[in-house]
Amino acid sequence: MKWFYNLKISAKLILAFIIVALIAGMIGLVGIININNINRLDTEMYERHVVQLSELIPVTQGYQSLRVGLREIIALDDIASKNQSAATINENYKAVIEGLQQFGKSIKDPRIKNAYDTFNDVMTNRFPVYMENVIQLAMTNQKDQALNMVSVEGAPLNEEVSRAIDELISIKIELASAASDVNSAAAKTSILTMAVLIIAGVVISMALGMFISRIISNPVKKLEEAADKLALGDVNINIEATTAKDEISKLMQSFSNMIENIRSQAFTAERIAAGDLTVDVEIKSEDDLLGKKLHELVEKNNEVLTSIALASEQVSAGSEQMSESSIALSQGATEQAGSIEELSASIEEISSQTKQNADNASQASRLAESAKANAEAGNQQMREMLKAMQEINYSSTNISKIIKVIDDIAFQTNILALNAAVEAARAGQHGKGFAVVAEEVRNLAARSAEAAKETTDMIENSIKKVESGSDIANETAGALAKIVGDIGQVADLVSNIAAASNEQASGIVQINQGIMQVSEVVQTNSATSEESAAASEELASQASLLKMQVDKFKLKREM
């Protein structure tokens, strides 16, 4: 198969079309052979059966004419007519015999041969004797004998001939049907053979087409995949060129060379991207634009990066000196700002405490004023309480006098009750009820006296407590009066302290504002110094970074 792979694509296609044409020709040739075979079978069926049947028809017709002629010659009276009819009968007989002979020539089937022999024997041996006898009787006007012979001898002969003809026709029809079945089977076989050949031809053609298509499309598909990867920037691809010598193999080899060239230039660009500017770019030809531009890129980048490296070193040195000066200035400003911030914080704390003292003094003054007012109100209420206690003492004295009168009344009532009891005792039986009343009155008087005594004791105890409370209230009133005086003095002192504290707080606020202004100036200077230091450090850092970035490149001056 190597020779096929080495063919050009056009030769492969032409060869494939030739093979397909040969397959089609073979199918057509087989079809022609099958059609010819079917035609031969049909011709054979026609010649063996249809033609013989057509030959048998004149024989049958001739035989029927013979029967009719024999009957007609019997019926004729004129001798001339009889002679003419006899001649016609002989001619028809000759025609039947000739037809039988002609029919017998093409007989091949033994059954037809047997039926034919029977028919031929009757017609050549027995029927001529019968025919001559009938004609002879008819010619001698022996009609009755002739008709009797037709009925007696002719009927069996006619039946035997008819049976032989029917058997020949039946056998012929059967053989024709068998031949038709054979022809149909041959036609089906031919159709099946043609179908199989056509299917085989289609399958072979499709397989051949797919084979040639795969031979062409597989390498093209590989080229397409490689081209897609190459379009995406993937140069790590390999195309295995086939050993064939057709156009596709040559194209794959050319494509492989192109990929190898692109890979080489890509690796060169990779080294350049990695910072290796010492690479030597190979220029393939005068038309190698990418190679030329890569070479120019390496040379120009060497020049530019060398200049940048020198400039970055100078900038780095200057920025380091500037950064040191800015850092020293920033540190001094930072220390000043810290001291001012501490002083400001202390003054803020003093101001807060002074303000808190003023607030506390103001609150204490308000509380003292409130306490003074409350003490004065308590002193006034104490005086009113003393007055009420005096009134209670006076009322208790009057109640004591009234209780004493009640006690005297109870005593006198008790005496009267005793007198009434004495008088009742004197009265005897009639004063017994009055004695009971007197006893009850005496009991009530005793109870009243006892209650008056208890009330008197309670009132006297209350009077003593009121007098003791009056003394305490008088002392308390004196103490409250003294407290009111002291609270007034304290309120005045607290008011003076609050005023002084407020004045101190105002002064401290002004001092703090001045310190804050100084602090803002110092902080501004510190921030400016720090920004300068940061800018210097950033410049130094950028210069160092620039130098580091340049150091990543391998320059030709370093070699």
Protein backbone atom coordinates (compact mmCIF):
# COMPACT_ATOMS: atom_id res chain seq x y z
CA MET A 1 0.00 0.00 0.00
CA LYS A 2 3.00 2.32 0.25
CA TRP A 3 2.81 2.98 -3.50
CA PHE A 4 -0.78 4.21 -3.01
CA TYR A 5 0.24 6.64 -0.28
CA ASN A 6 3.01 7.96 -2.53
CA LEU A 7 0.52 8.80 -5.29
CA LYS A 8 -0.53 12.39 -5.77
CA ILE A 9 -3.98 13.38 -4.58
CA SER A 10 -5.26 13.70 -8.17
CA ALA A 11 -3.94 10.21 -8.98
CA LYS A 12 -5.59 8.79 -5.86
CA LEU A 13 -8.91 10.38 -6.80
CA ILE A 14 -8.65 9.21 -10.42
CA LEU A 15 -7.78 5.70 -9.24
CA ALA A 16 -10.72 5.74 -6.85
CA PHE A 17 -13.06 6.84 -9.64
CA ILE A 18 -11.66 4.11 -11.92
CA ILE A 19 -12.29 1.49 -9.21
CA VAL A 20 -15.83 2.80 -8.73
CA ALA A 21 -16.34 2.75 -12.53
CA LEU A 22 -15.02 -0.85 -12.67
CA ILE A 23 -17.40 -1.83 -9.87
CA ALA A 24 -20.25 -0.17 -11.75
CA GLY A 25 -19.16 -1.89 -14.98
CA MET A 26 -18.99 -5.25 -13.24
CA ILE A 27 -22.45 -4.70 -11.80
CA GLY A 28 -23.71 -3.75 -15.27
CA LEU A 29 -22.00 -6.79 -16.84
CA VAL A 30 -23.57 -9.13 -14.30
CA GLY A 31 -26.89 -7.44 -14.94
CA ILE A 32 -26.51 -7.95 -18.70
CA ILE A 33 -25.59 -11.62 -18.17
CA ASN A 34 -28.60 -12.13 -15.90
CA ILE A 35 -30.90 -10.33 -18.33
CA ASN A 36 -29.53 -12.45 -21.20
CA ASN A 37 -30.08 -15.59 -19.13
CA ILE A 38 -33.67 -14.58 -18.38
CA ASN A 39 -34.18 -13.79 -22.05
CA ARG A 40 -32.80 -17.19 -23.00
CA LEU A 41 -35.11 -18.94 -20.54
CA ASP A 42 -38.07 -16.98 -21.85
CA THR A 43 -37.14 -17.82 -25.43
CA GLU A 44 -36.74 -21.46 -24.51
CA MET A 45 -40.12 -21.43 -22.76
CA TYR A 46 -41.66 -19.83 -25.84
CA GLU A 47 -40.08 -22.23 -28.29
CA ARG A 48 -40.68 -25.36 -26.21
CA HIS A 49 -44.18 -24.66 -25.00
CA VAL A 50 -45.83 -21.67 -26.62
CA VAL A 51 -44.66 -22.52 -30.17
CA GLN A 52 -45.60 -26.19 -29.75
CA LEU A 53 -49.00 -25.16 -28.47
CA SER A 54 -49.39 -22.95 -31.54
CA GLU A 55 -48.36 -25.95 -33.70
CA LEU A 56 -50.86 -28.14 -31.90
CA ILE A 57 -53.71 -25.76 -32.68
CA PRO A 58 -53.68 -26.35 -36.49
CA VAL A 59 -53.50 -30.11 -35.79
CA THR A 60 -56.56 -29.86 -33.57
CA GLN A 61 -58.35 -27.68 -36.10
CA GLY A 62 -57.40 -30.03 -38.90
CA TYR A 63 -58.68 -33.04 -36.96
CA GLN A 64 -61.98 -31.28 -36.31
CA SER A 65 -62.16 -30.47 -40.02
CA LEU A 66 -61.64 -34.17 -40.77
CA ARG A 67 -64.57 -35.11 -38.53
CA VAL A 68 -66.76 -32.48 -40.12
CA GLY A 69 -65.66 -33.53 -43.63
CA LEU A 70 -66.52 -37.20 -42.95
CA ARG A 71 -70.00 -36.25 -41.79
CA GLU A 72 -70.49 -33.93 -44.80
CA ILE A 73 -69.40 -36.57 -47.34
CA ILE A 74 -71.98 -38.97 -45.90
CA ALA A 75 -74.69 -36.37 -46.33
CA LEU A 76 -73.79 -35.55 -49.98
CA ASP A 77 -75.61 -37.21 -52.87
CA ASP A 78 -73.75 -35.79 -55.87
CA ILE A 79 -70.73 -37.84 -56.83
CA ALA A 80 -68.77 -34.78 -57.87
CA SER A 81 -69.35 -33.15 -54.51
CA LYS A 82 -68.38 -36.34 -52.83
CA ASN A 83 -65.15 -36.49 -54.80
CA GLN A 84 -64.37 -32.91 -53.95
CA SER A 85 -65.16 -33.53 -50.26
CA ALA A 86 -62.98 -36.65 -50.29
CA ALA A 87 -60.12 -34.65 -51.76
CA THR A 88 -60.56 -32.00 -49.05
CA ILE A 89 -60.58 -34.68 -46.39
CA ASN A 90 -57.33 -36.13 -47.74
CA GLU A 91 -55.73 -32.68 -47.81
CA ASN A 92 -56.80 -32.00 -44.21
CA TYR A 93 -55.44 -35.37 -43.18
CA LYS A 94 -52.11 -34.60 -44.81
CA ALA A 95 -52.03 -31.23 -43.02
CA VAL A 96 -52.75 -32.93 -39.65
CA ILE A 97 -50.00 -35.47 -40.24
CA GLU A 98 -47.54 -32.75 -41.24
CA GLY A 99 -48.51 -30.73 -38.14
CA LEU A 100 -47.99 -33.77 -35.95
CA GLN A 101 -44.62 -34.42 -37.51
CA GLN A 102 -43.65 -30.79 -37.03
CA PHE A 103 -44.86 -30.90 -33.39
CA GLY A 104 -42.95 -34.12 -32.78
CA LYS A 105 -39.64 -32.59 -33.84
CA SER A 106 -39.43 -30.25 -30.82
CA ILE A 107 -40.62 -32.74 -28.21
CA LYS A 108 -38.18 -33.22 -25.33
CA ASP A 109 -40.33 -34.09 -22.36
CA PRO A 110 -41.07 -37.87 -22.08
CA ARG A 111 -44.67 -37.35 -20.95
CA ILE A 112 -45.40 -35.25 -24.03
CA LYS A 113 -43.59 -37.89 -26.06
CA ASN A 114 -45.94 -40.63 -24.71
CA ALA A 115 -49.06 -38.57 -25.33
CA TYR A 116 -47.73 -37.65 -28.79
CA ASP A 117 -47.03 -41.28 -29.66
CA THR A 118 -50.56 -42.24 -28.70
CA PHE A 119 -52.03 -39.43 -30.77
CA ASN A 120 -49.70 -40.14 -33.70
CA ASP A 121 -50.48 -43.87 -33.60
CA VAL A 122 -54.19 -43.19 -33.81
CA MET A 123 -53.78 -40.67 -36.60
CA THR A 124 -51.30 -42.67 -38.69
CA ASN A 125 -52.50 -46.26 -38.19
CA ARG A 126 -56.09 -46.48 -37.08
CA PHE A 127 -57.65 -43.24 -38.26
CA PRO A 128 -56.66 -43.64 -41.98
CA VAL A 129 -58.41 -47.07 -42.13
CA TYR A 130 -61.48 -45.63 -40.42
CA MET A 131 -61.38 -42.61 -42.75
CA GLU A 132 -61.06 -44.72 -45.96
CA ASN A 133 -63.90 -46.99 -44.88
CA VAL A 134 -66.22 -44.08 -44.20
CA ILE A 135 -65.31 -42.44 -47.52
CA GLN A 136 -65.80 -45.72 -49.35
CA LEU A 137 -69.24 -46.27 -47.80
CA ALA A 138 -70.18 -42.69 -48.54
CA MET A 139 -69.03 -43.00 -52.15
CA THR A 140 -71.22 -46.13 -52.59
CA ASN A 141 -74.15 -44.37 -51.01
CA GLN A 142 -74.19 -46.64 -48.02
CA LYS A 143 -75.13 -43.87 -45.72
CA ASP A 144 -76.53 -46.01 -42.94
CA GLN A 145 -73.44 -48.13 -42.75
CA ALA A 146 -71.25 -45.04 -42.91
CA LEU A 147 -73.18 -43.32 -40.08
CA ASN A 148 -73.08 -46.51 -38.07
CA MET A 149 -69.31 -46.69 -38.55
CA VAL A 150 -68.97 -43.03 -37.46
CA SER A 151 -70.97 -43.79 -34.35
CA VAL A 152 -69.43 -47.17 -33.56
CA GLU A 153 -65.82 -46.78 -34.65
CA GLY A 154 -65.46 -43.03 -34.89
CA ALA A 155 -66.67 -42.15 -31.40
CA PRO A 156 -63.96 -44.18 -29.55
CA LEU A 157 -61.30 -42.85 -31.92
CA ASN A 158 -62.55 -39.28 -31.42
CA GLU A 159 -62.59 -39.76 -27.66
CA GLU A 160 -59.08 -41.17 -27.68
CA VAL A 161 -57.81 -38.36 -29.91
CA SER A 162 -59.53 -35.69 -27.76
CA ARG A 163 -58.04 -37.23 -24.61
CA ALA A 164 -54.57 -37.24 -26.23
CA ILE A 165 -54.95 -33.59 -27.32
CA ASP A 166 -56.21 -32.54 -23.87
CA GLU A 167 -53.31 -34.40 -22.24
CA LEU A 168 -50.81 -32.68 -24.57
CA ILE A 169 -52.31 -29.25 -23.84
CA SER A 170 -52.43 -29.95 -20.08
CA ILE A 171 -48.84 -31.16 -20.01
CA LYS A 172 -47.72 -28.19 -22.09
CA ILE A 173 -49.48 -25.77 -19.76
CA GLU A 174 -47.95 -27.50 -16.74
CA LEU A 175 -44.50 -27.39 -18.30
CA ALA A 176 -44.99 -23.77 -19.30
CA SER A 177 -45.99 -22.94 -15.69
CA ALA A 178 -42.94 -24.80 -14.39
CA ALA A 179 -40.74 -22.95 -16.88
CA SER A 180 -42.36 -19.69 -15.79
CA ASP A 181 -41.57 -20.54 -12.15
CA VAL A 182 -38.00 -21.33 -13.14
CA ASN A 183 -37.80 -18.03 -15.01
CA SER A 184 -39.26 -16.18 -11.97
CA ALA A 185 -36.72 -17.87 -9.67
CA ALA A 186 -33.97 -16.93 -12.11
CA ALA A 187 -35.27 -13.37 -12.17
CA LYS A 188 -35.35 -13.26 -8.36
CA THR A 189 -31.86 -14.71 -8.23
CA SER A 190 -30.70 -12.12 -10.74
CA ILE A 191 -32.39 -9.33 -8.75
CA LEU A 192 -30.83 -10.60 -5.50
CA THR A 193 -27.44 -10.93 -7.19
CA MET A 194 -27.74 -7.41 -8.60
CA ALA A 195 -28.84 -6.07 -5.20
CA VAL A 196 -25.94 -7.78 -3.45
CA LEU A 197 -23.50 -6.52 -6.07
CA ILE A 198 -24.95 -3.02 -5.90
CA ILE A 199 -24.77 -3.01 -2.10
CA ALA A 200 -21.26 -4.42 -2.21
CA GLY A 201 -20.34 -1.84 -4.82
CA VAL A 202 -21.82 0.97 -2.71
CA VAL A 203 -20.08 -0.32 0.43
CA ILE A 204 -16.76 -0.72 -1.40
CA SER A 205 -17.18 2.74 -2.96
CA MET A 206 -18.02 4.29 0.41
CA ALA A 207 -15.15 2.46 2.10
CA LEU A 208 -12.80 3.57 -0.65
CA GLY A 209 -14.13 7.13 -0.40
CA MET A 210 -13.77 7.13 3.40
CA PHE A 211 -10.29 5.63 3.09
CA ILE A 212 -9.14 8.27 0.61
CA SER A 213 -10.95 10.97 2.60
CA ARG A 214 -9.18 9.84 5.78
CA ILE A 215 -5.85 9.77 3.99
CA ILE A 216 -6.43 13.39 2.96
CA SER A 217 -8.43 14.74 5.93
CA ASN A 218 -6.39 13.28 8.83
CA PRO A 219 -3.18 15.13 7.94
CA VAL A 220 -5.21 18.26 7.12
CA LYS A 221 -6.96 17.95 10.51
CA LYS A 222 -3.58 17.68 12.23
CA LEU A 223 -2.45 20.77 10.35
CA GLU A 224 -5.65 22.55 11.39
CA GLU A 225 -5.16 21.66 15.07
CA ALA A 226 -1.53 22.75 14.92
CA ALA A 227 -2.55 26.01 13.21
CA ASP A 228 -5.20 26.66 15.91
CA LYS A 229 -2.65 26.09 18.70
CA LEU A 230 -0.14 28.24 16.85
CA ALA A 231 -2.78 30.98 16.52
CA LEU A 232 -3.23 30.82 20.33
CA GLY A 233 0.52 31.27 20.83
CA ASP A 234 1.34 27.64 21.62
CA VAL A 235 4.64 26.83 19.93
CA ASN A 236 5.21 23.54 21.78
CA ILE A 237 3.67 21.48 19.01
CA ASN A 238 5.20 18.87 16.76
CA ILE A 239 3.92 17.62 13.43
CA GLU A 240 5.10 14.18 12.41
CA ALA A 241 5.49 14.24 8.67
CA THR A 242 4.50 11.00 6.94
CA THR A 243 6.84 9.05 4.71
CA ALA A 244 4.48 9.47 1.77
CA LYS A 245 5.39 11.71 -1.13
CA ASP A 246 2.07 13.34 -1.90
CA GLU A 247 1.16 17.02 -1.63
CA ILE A 248 -0.22 16.67 1.94
CA SER A 249 3.05 15.16 3.22
CA LYS A 250 5.04 17.95 1.59
CA LEU A 251 2.67 20.51 3.11
CA MET A 252 3.10 18.89 6.57
CA GLN A 253 6.88 19.02 6.17
CA SER A 254 6.74 22.71 5.19
CA PHE A 255 4.39 23.43 8.08
CA SER A 256 6.76 21.61 10.46
CA ASN A 257 9.66 23.75 9.24
CA MET A 258 7.55 26.89 9.76
CA ILE A 259 6.65 25.83 13.33
CA GLU A 260 10.31 25.11 14.08
CA ASN A 261 11.27 28.58 12.85
CA ILE A 262 8.49 30.23 14.88
CA ARG A 263 9.48 28.17 17.96
CA SER A 264 13.09 29.31 17.60
CA GLN A 265 12.05 32.97 17.39
CA ALA A 266 9.60 32.47 20.29
CA PHE A 267 12.38 31.03 22.49
CA THR A 268 14.53 34.01 21.54
CA ALA A 269 11.69 36.36 22.53
CA GLU A 270 11.29 34.36 25.77
CA ARG A 271 14.94 34.95 26.68
CA ILE A 272 14.54 38.64 25.87
CA ALA A 273 11.41 38.79 28.04
CA ALA A 274 13.34 37.09 30.86
CA GLY A 275 15.88 39.94 30.72
CA ASP A 276 18.61 38.23 28.79
CA LEU A 277 19.69 40.87 26.32
CA THR A 278 22.91 39.01 25.51
CA VAL A 279 21.04 36.76 23.12
CA ASP A 280 22.13 36.75 19.49
CA VAL A 281 19.17 36.90 17.15
CA GLU A 282 19.66 34.85 14.02
CA ILE A 283 18.31 36.50 10.89
CA LYS A 284 17.13 33.81 8.50
CA SER A 285 17.06 35.89 5.34
CA GLU A 286 16.66 39.40 4.00
CA ASP A 287 12.90 38.97 4.24
CA ASP A 288 13.02 37.84 7.90
CA LEU A 289 11.26 40.93 9.27
CA LEU A 290 10.67 39.45 12.75
CA GLY A 291 14.33 38.43 13.10
CA LYS A 292 15.50 41.90 12.09
CA LYS A 293 13.16 43.63 14.52
CA LEU A 294 14.14 41.31 17.38
CA HIS A 295 17.80 42.11 16.70
CA GLU A 296 17.03 45.86 16.73
CA LEU A 297 15.01 45.42 19.95
CA VAL A 298 17.93 43.73 21.73
CA GLU A 299 20.43 46.41 20.65
CA LYS A 300 18.21 49.38 21.53
CA ASN A 301 17.18 47.91 24.87
CA ASN A 302 20.84 47.38 25.73
CA GLU A 303 21.55 51.07 25.07
CA VAL A 304 18.46 52.37 26.90
CA LEU A 305 18.81 50.13 29.94
CA THR A 306 22.53 50.95 30.28
CA SER A 307 21.68 54.68 30.41
CA ILE A 308 18.87 54.05 32.87
CA ALA A 309 21.20 52.04 35.14
CA LEU A 310 23.73 54.92 35.31
CA ALA A 311 21.01 57.53 35.92
CA SER A 312 19.37 55.42 38.63
CA GLU A 313 22.67 55.13 40.52
CA GLN A 314 23.12 58.93 40.50
CA VAL A 315 19.51 59.57 41.55
CA SER A 316 19.81 56.98 44.32
CA ALA A 317 22.92 58.67 45.78
CA GLY A 318 21.36 62.17 45.73
CA SER A 319 18.05 61.02 47.15
CA GLU A 320 19.82 59.23 50.01
CA GLN A 321 21.56 62.48 51.09
CA MET A 322 18.34 64.44 50.85
CA SER A 323 16.52 61.75 52.78
CA GLU A 324 19.06 61.87 55.65
CA SER A 325 18.70 65.68 55.99
CA SER A 326 14.92 65.51 55.87
CA ILE A 327 14.89 62.71 58.45
CA ALA A 328 17.04 64.76 60.88
CA LEU A 329 14.77 67.80 60.45
CA SER A 330 11.70 65.64 60.82
CA GLN A 331 13.02 64.04 64.01
CA GLY A 332 13.66 67.50 65.61
CA ALA A 333 10.24 68.75 64.62
CA THR A 334 8.70 65.54 65.88
CA GLU A 335 10.39 65.95 69.28
CA GLN A 336 9.18 69.58 69.53
CA ALA A 337 5.69 68.55 68.52
CA GLY A 338 5.76 65.82 71.18
CA SER A 339 6.79 68.24 73.93
CA ILE A 340 4.15 70.76 72.90
CA GLU A 341 1.56 68.01 72.76
CA GLU A 342 2.50 66.92 76.32
CA LEU A 343 2.32 70.55 77.55
CA SER A 344 -0.97 71.04 75.77
CA ALA A 345 -2.31 67.86 77.29
CA SER A 346 -1.27 68.99 80.80
CA ILE A 347 -2.90 72.39 80.32
CA GLU A 348 -5.96 70.70 78.92
CA GLU A 349 -6.10 68.53 82.03
CA ILE A 350 -5.65 71.59 84.35
CA SER A 351 -8.31 73.46 82.40
CA SER A 352 -10.65 70.53 82.69
CA GLN A 353 -10.01 70.21 86.43
CA THR A 354 -10.45 73.99 86.95
CA LYS A 355 -13.66 73.94 85.00
CA GLN A 356 -14.76 70.93 87.03
CA ASN A 357 -13.93 72.82 90.27
CA ALA A 358 -15.93 75.83 89.08
CA ASP A 359 -18.83 73.59 88.20
CA ASN A 360 -18.59 71.83 91.57
CA ALA A 361 -18.37 75.17 93.40
CA SER A 362 -21.41 76.48 91.53
CA GLN A 363 -23.29 73.34 92.37
CA ALA A 364 -22.16 73.54 96.01
CA SER A 365 -23.34 77.17 96.14
CA ARG A 366 -26.70 76.17 94.81
CA LEU A 367 -26.91 73.32 97.32
CA ALA A 368 -25.92 75.68 100.17
CA GLU A 369 -28.61 78.14 99.13
CA SER A 370 -31.09 75.30 98.98
CA ALA A 371 -29.95 74.00 102.41
CA LYS A 372 -30.25 77.50 103.86
CA ALA A 373 -33.77 77.83 102.53
CA ASN A 374 -34.65 74.38 103.84
CA ALA A 375 -33.14 75.22 107.28
CA GLU A 376 -35.13 78.45 107.46
CA ALA A 377 -38.28 76.58 106.48
CA GLY A 378 -37.50 73.93 109.15
CA ASN A 379 -36.96 76.64 111.79
CA GLN A 380 -40.29 78.22 110.87
CA GLN A 381 -42.04 74.85 111.06
CA MET A 382 -40.32 74.20 114.43
CA ARG A 383 -41.74 77.47 115.78
CA GLU A 384 -45.15 76.53 114.55
CA MET A 385 -44.77 73.12 116.21
CA LEU A 386 -43.85 74.77 119.53
CA LYS A 387 -46.93 76.92 119.27
CA ALA A 388 -49.06 73.86 118.57
CA MET A 389 -47.52 72.02 121.51
CA GLN A 390 -48.30 74.93 123.79
CA GLU A 391 -51.88 74.86 122.59
CA ILE A 392 -51.96 71.09 123.20
CA ASN A 393 -50.62 71.67 126.74
CA TYR A 394 -53.31 74.29 127.41
CA SER A 395 -56.01 71.98 126.07
CA SER A 396 -54.68 69.11 128.20
CA THR A 397 -54.93 71.35 131.33
CA ASN A 398 -58.57 72.15 130.55
CA ILE A 399 -59.31 68.50 129.95
CA SER A 400 -57.74 67.65 133.30
CA LYS A 401 -60.05 70.13 135.03
CA ILE A 402 -63.07 68.61 133.31
CA ILE A 403 -61.97 65.12 134.30
CA LYS A 404 -61.66 66.28 137.89
CA VAL A 405 -65.24 67.58 137.81
CA ILE A 406 -66.34 64.21 136.37
CA ASP A 407 -64.49 62.44 139.19
CA ASP A 408 -66.29 64.62 141.80
CA ILE A 409 -69.60 63.85 140.19
CA ALA A 410 -68.84 60.13 140.27
CA PHE A 411 -67.92 60.36 143.96
CA GLN A 412 -71.13 62.19 144.81
CA THR A 413 -73.09 59.71 142.70
CA ASN A 414 -71.52 56.86 144.62
CA ILE A 415 -72.52 58.51 147.94
CA LEU A 416 -76.05 59.01 146.67
CA ALA A 417 -76.17 55.40 145.60
CA LEU A 418 -75.09 54.31 149.08
CA ASN A 419 -77.77 56.50 150.63
CA ALA A 420 -80.31 55.04 148.22
CA ALA A 421 -79.24 51.51 149.19
CA VAL A 422 -79.61 52.36 152.87
CA GLU A 423 -83.07 53.76 152.26
CA ALA A 424 -84.03 50.72 150.22
CA ALA A 425 -82.89 48.47 153.02
CA ARG A 426 -85.08 50.40 155.37
CA ALA A 427 -88.04 50.05 153.08
CA GLY A 428 -87.74 46.30 153.17
CA GLN A 429 -89.63 44.33 150.64
CA HIS A 430 -90.98 47.44 148.89
CA GLY A 431 -87.56 48.97 148.39
CA LYS A 432 -85.96 45.90 146.95
CA GLY A 433 -86.26 47.06 143.32
CA PHE A 434 -84.97 50.50 144.16
CA ALA A 435 -82.03 48.84 145.90
CA VAL A 436 -81.14 47.10 142.64
CA VAL A 437 -81.23 50.37 140.74
CA ALA A 438 -79.15 52.03 143.37
CA GLU A 439 -76.61 49.20 143.10
CA GLU A 440 -76.35 49.65 139.34
CA VAL A 441 -75.95 53.41 139.71
CA ARG A 442 -73.21 52.82 142.25
CA ASN A 443 -71.43 50.45 139.81
CA LEU A 444 -71.65 52.99 137.00
CA ALA A 445 -70.29 55.68 139.30
CA ALA A 446 -67.38 53.38 140.18
CA ARG A 447 -66.63 52.69 136.57
CA SER A 448 -66.85 56.40 135.70
CA ALA A 449 -64.46 57.22 138.49
CA GLU A 450 -62.02 54.56 137.31
CA ALA A 451 -62.20 55.81 133.69
CA ALA A 452 -61.73 59.39 134.82
CA LYS A 453 -58.70 58.33 136.81
CA GLU A 454 -57.14 56.52 133.81
CA THR A 455 -57.85 59.49 131.55
CA THR A 456 -56.30 61.81 134.09
CA ASP A 457 -53.17 59.67 134.21
CA MET A 458 -52.90 59.65 130.43
CA ILE A 459 -53.42 63.39 130.14
CA GLU A 460 -50.81 64.04 132.80
CA ASN A 461 -48.35 61.77 130.99
CA SER A 462 -49.10 63.57 127.70
CA ILE A 463 -48.58 66.93 129.34
CA LYS A 464 -45.21 65.78 130.61
CA LYS A 465 -44.19 64.54 127.12
CA VAL A 466 -45.43 67.76 125.50
CA GLU A 467 -43.36 69.77 127.95
CA SER A 468 -40.31 67.56 127.20
CA GLY A 469 -40.96 67.90 123.42
CA SER A 470 -41.29 71.65 123.79
CA ASP A 471 -37.88 71.77 125.40
CA ILE A 472 -36.34 69.67 122.62
CA ALA A 473 -38.10 71.73 119.96
CA ASN A 474 -36.76 74.92 121.50
CA GLU A 475 -33.24 73.49 121.43
CA THR A 476 -33.70 72.29 117.84
CA ALA A 477 -34.99 75.68 116.76
CA GLY A 478 -31.88 77.28 118.24
CA ALA A 479 -29.63 74.81 116.43
CA LEU A 480 -31.45 75.38 113.12
CA ALA A 481 -31.09 79.12 113.51
CA LYS A 482 -27.34 78.66 114.00
CA ILE A 483 -27.17 76.28 111.00
CA VAL A 484 -28.95 78.84 108.83
CA GLY A 485 -26.33 81.39 109.69
CA ASP A 486 -23.45 79.01 108.99
CA ILE A 487 -24.97 77.87 105.67
CA GLY A 488 -25.26 81.48 104.56
CA GLN A 489 -21.57 82.02 105.22
CA VAL A 490 -20.69 78.76 103.38
CA ALA A 491 -22.83 79.81 100.39
CA ASP A 492 -21.00 83.11 100.16
CA LEU A 493 -17.61 81.36 100.26
CA VAL A 494 -18.63 78.80 97.64
CA SER A 495 -19.91 81.57 95.33
CA ASN A 496 -16.56 83.34 95.59
CA ILE A 497 -14.70 80.05 94.82
CA ALA A 498 -16.91 79.42 91.75
CA ALA A 499 -16.27 82.93 90.39
CA ALA A 500 -12.51 82.55 90.86
CA SER A 501 -12.54 79.08 89.24
CA ASN A 502 -14.41 80.41 86.19
CA GLU A 503 -11.86 83.20 85.77
CA GLN A 504 -9.01 80.65 86.03
CA ALA A 505 -10.70 78.41 83.46
CA SER A 506 -11.04 81.32 81.00
CA GLY A 507 -7.35 82.17 81.37
CA ILE A 508 -6.30 78.53 80.90
CA VAL A 509 -8.42 78.29 77.72
CA GLN A 510 -6.61 81.30 76.25
CA ILE A 511 -3.25 79.76 77.16
CA ASN A 512 -4.27 76.47 75.62
CA GLN A 513 -5.33 78.20 72.39
CA GLY A 514 -1.89 79.83 72.11
CA ILE A 515 -0.17 76.49 72.72
CA MET A 516 -2.42 74.81 70.14
CA GLN A 517 -1.41 77.39 67.53
CA VAL A 518 2.27 76.76 68.33
CA SER A 519 1.59 73.00 68.17
CA GLU A 520 -0.09 73.32 64.77
CA VAL A 521 2.91 75.21 63.40
CA VAL A 522 5.31 72.61 64.82
CA GLN A 523 3.16 69.77 63.49
CA THR A 524 3.05 71.45 60.07
CA ASN A 525 6.83 71.70 60.08
CA SER A 526 7.09 68.10 61.24
CA ALA A 527 4.67 66.91 58.57
CA THR A 528 6.51 68.86 55.91
CA SER A 529 9.80 67.36 57.06
CA GLU A 530 8.31 63.91 57.13
CA GLU A 531 6.83 64.38 53.65
CA SER A 532 10.21 65.56 52.42
CA ALA A 533 11.88 62.60 54.09
CA ALA A 534 9.25 60.25 52.72
CA ALA A 535 9.58 61.74 49.24
CA SER A 536 13.34 61.37 49.48
CA GLU A 537 13.02 57.83 50.72
CA GLU A 538 10.49 57.07 47.99
CA LEU A 539 12.79 58.61 45.42
CA ALA A 540 15.67 56.56 46.79
CA SER A 541 13.43 53.49 46.86
CA GLN A 542 12.29 54.08 43.30
CA ALA A 543 15.86 54.65 42.22
CA SER A 544 16.89 51.43 43.95
CA LEU A 545 13.88 49.64 42.46
CA LEU A 546 14.77 51.00 39.04
CA LYS A 547 18.32 49.81 39.51
CA MET A 548 17.03 46.41 40.66
CA GLN A 549 14.78 46.21 37.62
CA VAL A 550 17.67 47.13 35.35
CA ASP A 551 19.87 44.58 37.13
CA LYS A 552 17.39 41.91 36.10
CA PHE A 553 18.55 42.38 32.53
CA LYS A 554 21.75 40.83 31.35
CA LEU A 555 23.32 43.62 29.33
CA LYS A 556 26.10 43.17 26.85
CA ARG A 557 28.26 45.74 28.66
CA GLU A 558 28.37 43.42 31.64
CA MET A 559 29.85 40.56 29.68
